[in-house]
Amino acid sequence: MIFTTYTFLVFFLALLLVYALTPRPLRKYVMIVGGFVFYAYDSIGHFFFLLALTCVVYVISLSEKRPILLYGICVPVGFLLYYKYWKMAVSTWNSVFAGWFSATLPAVHIAVPLAISFFVFEFVHYLADVYKGKTERVSFSEFFLFIFFFPSLVAGPIKRIQSFSKEKFLFSFEHVQKGMIRMGIGLFKKIVLADSLNPLFMPVFDDPHKYPPDALWVAMYAYAFKIYFDFSAYSDIAIGAAQCFGFHLPENFNWPYISRNLVEFWRRWHISLSTWIRDYLYIPMGGNRKGYLNMLLFIFLAMTISGLWHGANWTFVIWGMWHGIGQVINKIWNKWRQERTFVPKPLYEFLSWGLTFQFVCFGWIFFASPTIHNSIVFFVRMWGIHA
């Protein structure tokens, strides 16, 4: 169910009415059923699959044996790898390695369950935090509400059980008013701002051969703002919808394009994802505890994996590597320039902002291109070189 459809509007208003009329002790179950309906609307088969997987993860979380909690993380991650990346793995093998080994793998046709990445991220978070003792185990119904909470089900923000389990199921017209305003801002960003930019970049990224350099530059910047308005719009709608029901979701975007370096950019861009990568990838790898060079390696690997999370295509991997390399350079530069002053601080910050913004925009070329070949052609032709 998509936020910008009339179907969602009817569903949302009907559920809000039922929620308001339901006694407070029972509102939890209204939200659980609402999440079931929201997800099952798109695929009843995938709904039952994720329902079963949620039950399995919850049973794993009840174990008092810490190794079971740790290795239990492999269950949801394994399903994510199969559904989202097995097709990519087979395609890569057949196009790159099959000729060497005289064997091709059969083509894969897998329907990916909606929002499986968000489900798995929250499964991993819960199991990992129970394992580390960072959270208490919650009840069966609380866990189901956490996982199937419809506002954040499809596009985030990625929640944390520690704050979510403290919600009090309050309802007030003040919450509804503020939530509706936030949803309205999100709809404006999506329909008026984001979608209006589509004609400026969609045909260009599909076939960059046909367009002159100025059209390619315009397409790159148009996509940069399109993806920001798009992603932040869905977060606004999710946060606003949750607020109408008296829930609080974490903020997800904080003016990322004013960042003066890539570290700051990732503190402002898709914040719930950035903090998840830090807490469940970067720090478990070793973080900054195993020496400077290892820290740089872990940053690069974490960003590369985060790129792959965005989609099962090598263009997303390269985008993640682009940001990984950028962050490594950022770290090295900051260490080198300590105690060194080259230009006045206002000028330095302005130049830092400009370079950061441009680096991010160049990265979006990989993210938006359907193939690596298209992204290379796009890059080359931007500078007036025919390819």
Protein backbone atom coordinates (compact mmCIF):
# COMPACT_ATOMS: atom_id res chain seq x y z
CA MET A 1 0.00 0.00 0.00
CA ILE A 2 1.60 3.24 -1.16
CA PHE A 3 1.32 6.40 0.95
CA THR A 4 0.31 8.59 -2.00
CA THR A 5 -2.75 6.55 -3.06
CA TYR A 6 -6.43 6.98 -2.23
CA THR A 7 -6.41 3.41 -0.93
CA PHE A 8 -3.97 4.41 1.77
CA LEU A 9 -6.01 7.50 2.63
CA VAL A 10 -9.15 5.40 3.17
CA PHE A 11 -7.22 2.81 5.16
CA PHE A 12 -5.51 5.46 7.30
CA LEU A 13 -8.68 7.39 8.15
CA ALA A 14 -10.66 4.22 8.90
CA LEU A 15 -7.94 2.85 11.17
CA LEU A 16 -7.56 6.20 12.93
CA LEU A 17 -11.30 6.30 13.63
CA VAL A 18 -11.30 2.75 15.00
CA TYR A 19 -8.21 3.53 17.09
CA ALA A 20 -9.82 6.65 18.58
CA LEU A 21 -13.00 4.77 19.52
CA THR A 22 -11.19 1.76 20.98
CA PRO A 23 -10.42 1.64 24.73
CA ARG A 24 -6.76 2.41 25.37
CA PRO A 25 -5.78 -1.10 26.62
CA LEU A 26 -6.94 -2.57 23.29
CA ARG A 27 -5.41 -0.03 20.92
CA LYS A 28 -2.25 -2.09 20.62
CA TYR A 29 -4.24 -4.83 18.89
CA VAL A 30 -5.92 -2.35 16.55
CA MET A 31 -2.47 -1.26 15.38
CA ILE A 32 -1.28 -4.86 14.96
CA VAL A 33 -4.30 -5.78 12.84
CA GLY A 34 -3.88 -2.54 10.90
CA GLY A 35 -0.27 -3.48 10.13
CA PHE A 36 -1.39 -6.93 8.96
CA VAL A 37 -3.98 -5.41 6.61
CA PHE A 38 -1.52 -2.80 5.35
CA TYR A 39 1.05 -5.44 4.39
CA ALA A 40 -1.32 -8.19 3.22
CA TYR A 41 -2.96 -5.75 0.79
CA ASP A 42 0.11 -6.03 -1.48
CA SER A 43 0.78 -9.77 -1.16
CA ILE A 44 -1.06 -12.22 1.05
CA GLY A 45 1.60 -14.88 0.39
CA HIS A 46 4.48 -12.67 1.47
CA PHE A 47 2.45 -11.54 4.44
CA PHE A 48 2.19 -15.10 5.77
CA PHE A 49 5.89 -15.67 5.08
CA LEU A 50 6.90 -12.58 7.09
CA LEU A 51 4.37 -13.44 9.78
CA ALA A 52 6.04 -16.84 10.18
CA LEU A 53 9.52 -15.32 10.10
CA THR A 54 8.51 -12.83 12.80
CA CYS A 55 7.34 -15.73 14.98
CA VAL A 56 10.61 -17.59 14.42
CA VAL A 57 12.71 -14.54 15.31
CA TYR A 58 10.66 -13.95 18.44
CA VAL A 59 11.10 -17.56 19.58
CA ILE A 60 14.86 -17.25 19.00
CA SER A 61 14.90 -14.08 21.11
CA LEU A 62 13.43 -16.00 24.08
CA SER A 63 16.44 -18.30 24.33
CA GLU A 64 18.63 -17.88 27.38
CA LYS A 65 21.57 -19.35 25.47
CA ARG A 66 23.52 -16.43 24.06
CA PRO A 67 25.01 -18.38 21.09
CA ILE A 68 21.47 -19.13 19.89
CA LEU A 69 20.70 -15.39 19.93
CA LEU A 70 23.88 -14.62 18.02
CA TYR A 71 23.56 -17.32 15.40
CA GLY A 72 19.83 -16.72 15.21
CA ILE A 73 20.65 -13.49 13.40
CA CYS A 74 21.63 -15.68 10.44
CA VAL A 75 18.00 -16.75 9.96
CA PRO A 76 16.53 -13.41 8.84
CA VAL A 77 19.79 -12.41 7.14
CA GLY A 78 19.77 -15.68 5.21
CA PHE A 79 16.27 -15.02 3.89
CA LEU A 80 17.31 -11.48 2.92
CA LEU A 81 20.30 -12.83 0.98
CA TYR A 82 18.12 -15.36 -0.80
CA TYR A 83 15.20 -13.14 -1.73
CA LYS A 84 17.08 -9.96 -2.54
CA TYR A 85 20.51 -11.05 -3.73
CA TRP A 86 20.39 -14.61 -5.06
CA LYS A 87 19.16 -13.41 -8.46
CA MET A 88 22.03 -10.90 -8.58
CA ALA A 89 24.54 -13.60 -7.61
CA VAL A 90 23.31 -15.97 -10.33
CA SER A 91 23.32 -13.22 -12.95
CA THR A 92 26.85 -12.19 -11.99
CA TRP A 93 28.08 -15.77 -12.14
CA ASN A 94 26.52 -16.38 -15.56
CA SER A 95 27.90 -13.15 -17.03
CA VAL A 96 31.40 -13.26 -15.52
CA PHE A 97 32.45 -16.73 -14.37
CA ALA A 98 30.39 -19.26 -16.31
CA GLY A 99 32.71 -19.13 -19.31
CA TRP A 100 35.66 -20.08 -17.14
CA PHE A 101 33.99 -23.12 -15.63
CA SER A 102 31.73 -24.13 -18.54
CA ALA A 103 28.69 -24.06 -16.32
CA THR A 104 25.76 -21.68 -16.11
CA LEU A 105 23.24 -21.50 -13.34
CA PRO A 106 19.51 -21.56 -14.16
CA ALA A 107 17.85 -18.18 -14.30
CA VAL A 108 16.19 -17.09 -11.06
CA HIS A 109 12.71 -15.61 -10.82
CA ILE A 110 12.06 -14.55 -7.25
CA ALA A 111 9.38 -12.13 -6.10
CA VAL A 112 11.00 -10.09 -3.35
CA PRO A 113 8.75 -9.52 -0.31
CA LEU A 114 7.90 -5.87 0.16
CA ALA A 115 10.21 -4.07 2.62
CA ILE A 116 12.11 -7.23 3.56
CA SER A 117 15.24 -5.12 4.16
CA PHE A 118 13.47 -3.04 6.82
CA PHE A 119 12.08 -6.18 8.46
CA VAL A 120 15.51 -7.79 8.61
CA PHE A 121 17.20 -4.66 9.95
CA GLU A 122 14.74 -4.55 12.84
CA PHE A 123 15.04 -8.31 13.43
CA VAL A 124 18.83 -7.99 13.62
CA HIS A 125 18.58 -4.96 15.90
CA TYR A 126 16.30 -6.76 18.35
CA LEU A 127 18.27 -10.02 18.48
CA ALA A 128 21.60 -8.20 18.74
CA ASP A 129 20.42 -5.90 21.53
CA VAL A 130 18.89 -8.77 23.49
CA TYR A 131 22.19 -10.64 23.07
CA LYS A 132 24.17 -7.62 24.33
CA GLY A 133 21.75 -6.98 27.19
CA LYS A 134 20.88 -3.54 25.79
CA THR A 135 17.15 -4.22 25.89
CA GLU A 136 14.70 -6.30 27.84
CA ARG A 137 12.68 -8.92 26.02
CA VAL A 138 9.23 -7.64 25.11
CA SER A 139 5.94 -9.52 24.95
CA PHE A 140 4.73 -11.33 21.86
CA SER A 141 2.17 -8.64 21.06
CA GLU A 142 4.67 -5.81 21.63
CA PHE A 143 7.10 -7.45 19.22
CA PHE A 144 4.43 -7.88 16.57
CA LEU A 145 3.43 -4.23 16.95
CA PHE A 146 7.07 -3.19 16.65
CA ILE A 147 7.63 -5.19 13.46
CA PHE A 148 4.27 -4.59 11.74
CA PHE A 149 3.83 -0.93 12.72
CA PHE A 150 2.40 0.28 9.43
CA PRO A 151 3.75 3.87 9.20
CA SER A 152 7.38 2.69 9.15
CA LEU A 153 6.77 -0.66 7.50
CA VAL A 154 7.75 0.18 3.93
CA ALA A 155 10.21 3.08 3.98
CA GLY A 156 11.35 3.56 7.57
CA PRO A 157 12.57 5.24 9.66
CA ILE A 158 14.23 2.16 11.16
CA LYS A 159 12.96 1.94 14.73
CA ARG A 160 14.64 0.88 17.98
CA ILE A 161 12.70 -1.30 20.41
CA GLN A 162 14.01 0.59 23.46
CA SER A 163 12.05 3.74 22.67
CA PHE A 164 9.19 2.14 20.76
CA SER A 165 8.16 -0.17 23.61
CA LYS A 166 7.62 2.87 25.85
CA GLU A 167 4.75 4.25 23.76
CA LYS A 168 1.54 4.81 25.75
CA PHE A 169 -1.14 4.50 23.01
CA LEU A 170 -2.36 8.03 23.62
CA PHE A 171 -4.81 9.70 21.30
CA SER A 172 -5.52 13.41 21.06
CA PHE A 173 -6.71 15.85 18.43
CA GLU A 174 -3.50 17.82 18.98
CA HIS A 175 -1.50 14.77 17.90
CA VAL A 176 -3.75 14.33 14.89
CA GLN A 177 -3.42 17.98 13.90
CA LYS A 178 0.37 17.98 14.12
CA GLY A 179 0.58 14.61 12.40
CA MET A 180 -1.65 15.70 9.53
CA ILE A 181 0.49 18.81 9.00
CA ARG A 182 3.64 16.67 8.86
CA MET A 183 1.96 14.27 6.42
CA GLY A 184 0.89 17.23 4.30
CA ILE A 185 4.48 18.45 4.13
CA GLY A 186 5.56 14.99 3.04
CA LEU A 187 2.89 14.79 0.34
CA PHE A 188 3.90 18.23 -0.95
CA LYS A 189 7.54 17.16 -1.13
CA LYS A 190 6.64 13.95 -2.96
CA ILE A 191 3.94 15.07 -5.40
CA VAL A 192 4.86 18.70 -6.08
CA LEU A 193 8.65 18.76 -5.66
CA ALA A 194 10.03 15.25 -6.21
CA ASP A 195 7.73 14.04 -8.99
CA SER A 196 8.00 17.33 -10.91
CA LEU A 197 11.74 16.69 -11.33
CA ASN A 198 11.27 13.31 -13.05
CA PRO A 199 11.26 14.64 -16.66
CA LEU A 200 14.61 16.35 -16.07
CA PHE A 201 16.54 13.17 -15.31
CA MET A 202 14.64 9.96 -16.11
CA PRO A 203 15.19 9.85 -19.90
CA VAL A 204 18.76 11.10 -19.49
CA PHE A 205 19.85 8.34 -17.12
CA ASP A 206 18.14 5.71 -19.29
CA ASP A 207 20.18 6.68 -22.37
CA PRO A 208 22.91 9.26 -21.70
CA HIS A 209 24.28 8.81 -25.26
CA LYS A 210 21.52 11.00 -26.63
CA TYR A 211 22.11 14.09 -24.51
CA PRO A 212 24.63 16.95 -24.49
CA PRO A 213 26.79 17.74 -21.44
CA ASP A 214 24.53 20.50 -20.09
CA ALA A 215 21.54 18.12 -20.01
CA LEU A 216 23.62 15.58 -18.09
CA TRP A 217 24.65 18.12 -15.46
CA VAL A 218 21.04 19.25 -15.07
CA ALA A 219 19.92 15.62 -14.76
CA MET A 220 22.50 14.92 -12.06
CA TYR A 221 21.42 17.88 -9.90
CA ALA A 222 17.74 17.21 -10.56
CA TYR A 223 18.15 13.63 -9.35
CA ALA A 224 20.05 14.81 -6.26
CA PHE A 225 17.07 16.90 -5.18
CA LYS A 226 14.53 14.38 -6.41
CA ILE A 227 15.92 11.60 -4.21
CA TYR A 228 16.16 13.90 -1.20
CA PHE A 229 12.57 15.12 -1.57
CA ASP A 230 11.41 11.55 -2.26
CA PHE A 231 13.11 9.87 0.70
CA SER A 232 12.44 12.67 3.17
CA ALA A 233 8.83 12.86 1.99
CA TYR A 234 8.18 9.22 2.88
CA SER A 235 9.84 9.78 6.26
CA ASP A 236 7.66 12.85 6.85
CA ILE A 237 4.51 10.91 6.00
CA ALA A 238 5.55 8.00 8.21
CA ILE A 239 6.45 10.26 11.15
CA GLY A 240 3.22 12.24 10.72
CA ALA A 241 1.05 9.13 10.44
CA ALA A 242 2.64 7.69 13.58
CA GLN A 243 2.07 10.97 15.41
CA CYS A 244 -1.64 10.86 14.60
CA PHE A 245 -1.80 7.61 16.60
CA GLY A 246 0.30 9.05 19.43
CA PHE A 247 3.58 7.34 18.44
CA HIS A 248 6.97 8.94 17.92
CA LEU A 249 9.31 7.83 15.16
CA PRO A 250 12.91 9.08 14.95
CA GLU A 251 13.76 11.91 12.58
CA ASN A 252 15.42 10.65 9.43
CA PHE A 253 16.68 13.68 7.49
CA ASN A 254 18.23 16.90 8.75
CA TRP A 255 19.16 19.16 5.83
CA PRO A 256 21.88 16.81 4.53
CA TYR A 257 22.91 19.04 1.63
CA ILE A 258 24.31 21.69 3.95
CA SER A 259 26.92 19.23 5.23
CA ARG A 260 30.56 20.32 5.12
CA ASN A 261 32.01 16.80 4.95
CA LEU A 262 30.83 13.26 4.27
CA VAL A 263 30.82 12.24 7.92
CA GLU A 264 28.41 15.08 8.62
CA PHE A 265 26.39 14.17 5.52
CA TRP A 266 25.76 10.67 6.86
CA ARG A 267 24.75 12.11 10.21
CA ARG A 268 22.05 14.07 8.40
CA TRP A 269 21.06 11.67 5.58
CA HIS A 270 18.78 8.71 6.35
CA ILE A 271 19.79 9.03 9.99
CA SER A 272 18.15 5.81 11.18
CA LEU A 273 20.03 3.85 8.50
CA SER A 274 23.34 5.58 9.23
CA THR A 275 23.11 4.83 12.94
CA TRP A 276 22.09 1.22 12.19
CA ILE A 277 25.18 0.80 9.97
CA ARG A 278 27.34 2.27 12.73
CA ASP A 279 25.89 0.11 15.51
CA TYR A 280 25.40 -3.22 13.71
CA LEU A 281 28.11 -3.20 11.02
CA TYR A 282 30.93 -0.77 11.72
CA ILE A 283 31.26 -1.27 15.49
CA PRO A 284 30.93 -5.11 15.39
CA MET A 285 33.64 -5.18 12.70
CA GLY A 286 35.94 -3.45 15.14
CA GLY A 287 35.14 0.23 14.73
CA ASN A 288 38.02 2.39 15.88
CA ARG A 289 39.26 -0.15 18.41
CA LYS A 290 41.73 -2.02 16.18
CA GLY A 291 44.02 0.65 14.86
CA TYR A 292 43.83 3.48 12.37
CA LEU A 293 44.23 1.46 9.17
CA ASN A 294 41.66 -1.11 10.24
CA MET A 295 39.27 1.71 11.10
CA LEU A 296 39.58 3.02 7.53
CA LEU A 297 38.99 -0.49 6.16
CA PHE A 298 35.90 -0.97 8.34
CA ILE A 299 34.47 2.37 7.19
CA PHE A 300 34.95 1.36 3.56
CA LEU A 301 33.40 -2.09 4.07
CA ALA A 302 30.43 -0.75 6.03
CA MET A 303 29.62 1.82 3.36
CA THR A 304 30.01 -0.76 0.58
CA ILE A 305 27.57 -3.11 2.32
CA SER A 306 25.16 -0.22 2.89
CA GLY A 307 25.26 0.45 -0.84
CA LEU A 308 24.32 -3.16 -1.56
CA TRP A 309 21.45 -2.87 0.94
CA HIS A 310 19.86 -0.20 -1.24
CA GLY A 311 19.43 -2.55 -4.17
CA ALA A 312 20.57 -5.80 -5.81
CA ASN A 313 22.64 -4.18 -8.53
CA TRP A 314 26.37 -3.56 -8.87
CA THR A 315 25.65 0.13 -9.41
CA PHE A 316 24.55 0.35 -5.76
CA VAL A 317 27.72 -1.45 -4.66
CA ILE A 318 29.83 1.11 -6.54
CA TRP A 319 27.79 3.92 -4.98
CA GLY A 320 28.52 2.49 -1.54
CA MET A 321 32.22 2.15 -2.42
CA TRP A 322 32.21 5.76 -3.66
CA HIS A 323 31.00 6.95 -0.27
CA GLY A 324 33.34 4.55 1.50
CA ILE A 325 36.35 5.96 -0.37
CA GLY A 326 35.08 9.47 0.28
CA GLN A 327 34.80 8.89 4.01
CA VAL A 328 38.27 7.33 4.14
CA ILE A 329 39.73 10.37 2.36
CA ASN A 330 37.75 12.61 4.73
CA LYS A 331 39.26 10.85 7.78
CA ILE A 332 42.81 11.02 6.39
CA TRP A 333 42.43 14.68 5.45
CA ASN A 334 41.07 15.64 8.86
CA LYS A 335 43.97 13.91 10.59
CA TRP A 336 46.53 15.56 8.31
CA ARG A 337 45.12 19.08 8.52
CA GLN A 338 45.03 19.17 12.33
CA GLU A 339 47.04 22.13 13.53
CA ARG A 340 47.24 23.41 9.94
CA THR A 341 45.34 26.46 8.72
CA PHE A 342 45.33 27.26 5.02
CA VAL A 343 42.48 29.71 4.49
CA PRO A 344 40.11 31.71 6.70
CA LYS A 345 37.53 29.50 8.41
CA PRO A 346 34.44 30.93 6.58
CA LEU A 347 36.08 30.32 3.20
CA TYR A 348 37.24 26.85 4.24
CA GLU A 349 33.74 25.89 5.35
CA PHE A 350 32.22 27.21 2.12
CA LEU A 351 34.71 25.23 0.03
CA SER A 352 34.12 22.16 2.20
CA TRP A 353 30.37 22.42 1.65
CA GLY A 354 30.77 22.83 -2.11
CA LEU A 355 33.12 19.86 -2.46
CA THR A 356 30.93 17.67 -0.27
CA PHE A 357 27.76 18.51 -2.16
CA GLN A 358 29.44 17.89 -5.51
CA PHE A 359 30.93 14.59 -4.34
CA VAL A 360 27.48 13.42 -3.21
CA CYS A 361 25.93 14.49 -6.52
CA PHE A 362 28.55 12.58 -8.53
CA GLY A 363 27.72 9.54 -6.40
CA TRP A 364 24.05 9.76 -7.33
CA ILE A 365 25.03 9.02 -10.95
CA PHE A 366 25.88 5.45 -9.93
CA PHE A 367 22.76 5.21 -7.77
CA ALA A 368 20.40 6.32 -10.53
CA SER A 369 21.97 4.57 -13.52
CA PRO A 370 20.44 1.23 -14.52
CA THR A 371 23.85 -0.23 -15.45
CA ILE A 372 27.51 0.41 -14.77
CA HIS A 373 27.99 1.09 -18.48
CA ASN A 374 25.37 3.84 -18.39
CA SER A 375 27.03 5.47 -15.39
CA ILE A 376 30.44 5.47 -17.11
CA VAL A 377 28.97 6.96 -20.28
CA PHE A 378 27.19 9.56 -18.17
CA PHE A 379 30.41 10.54 -16.41
CA VAL A 380 32.44 10.75 -19.60
CA ARG A 381 29.90 12.72 -21.61
CA MET A 382 29.43 15.25 -18.81
CA TRP A 383 32.84 16.63 -19.71
CA GLY A 384 32.13 16.79 -23.43
CA ILE A 385 33.95 13.55 -24.27
CA HIS A 386 32.04 11.31 -26.68
CA ALA A 387 31.48 7.74 -25.58
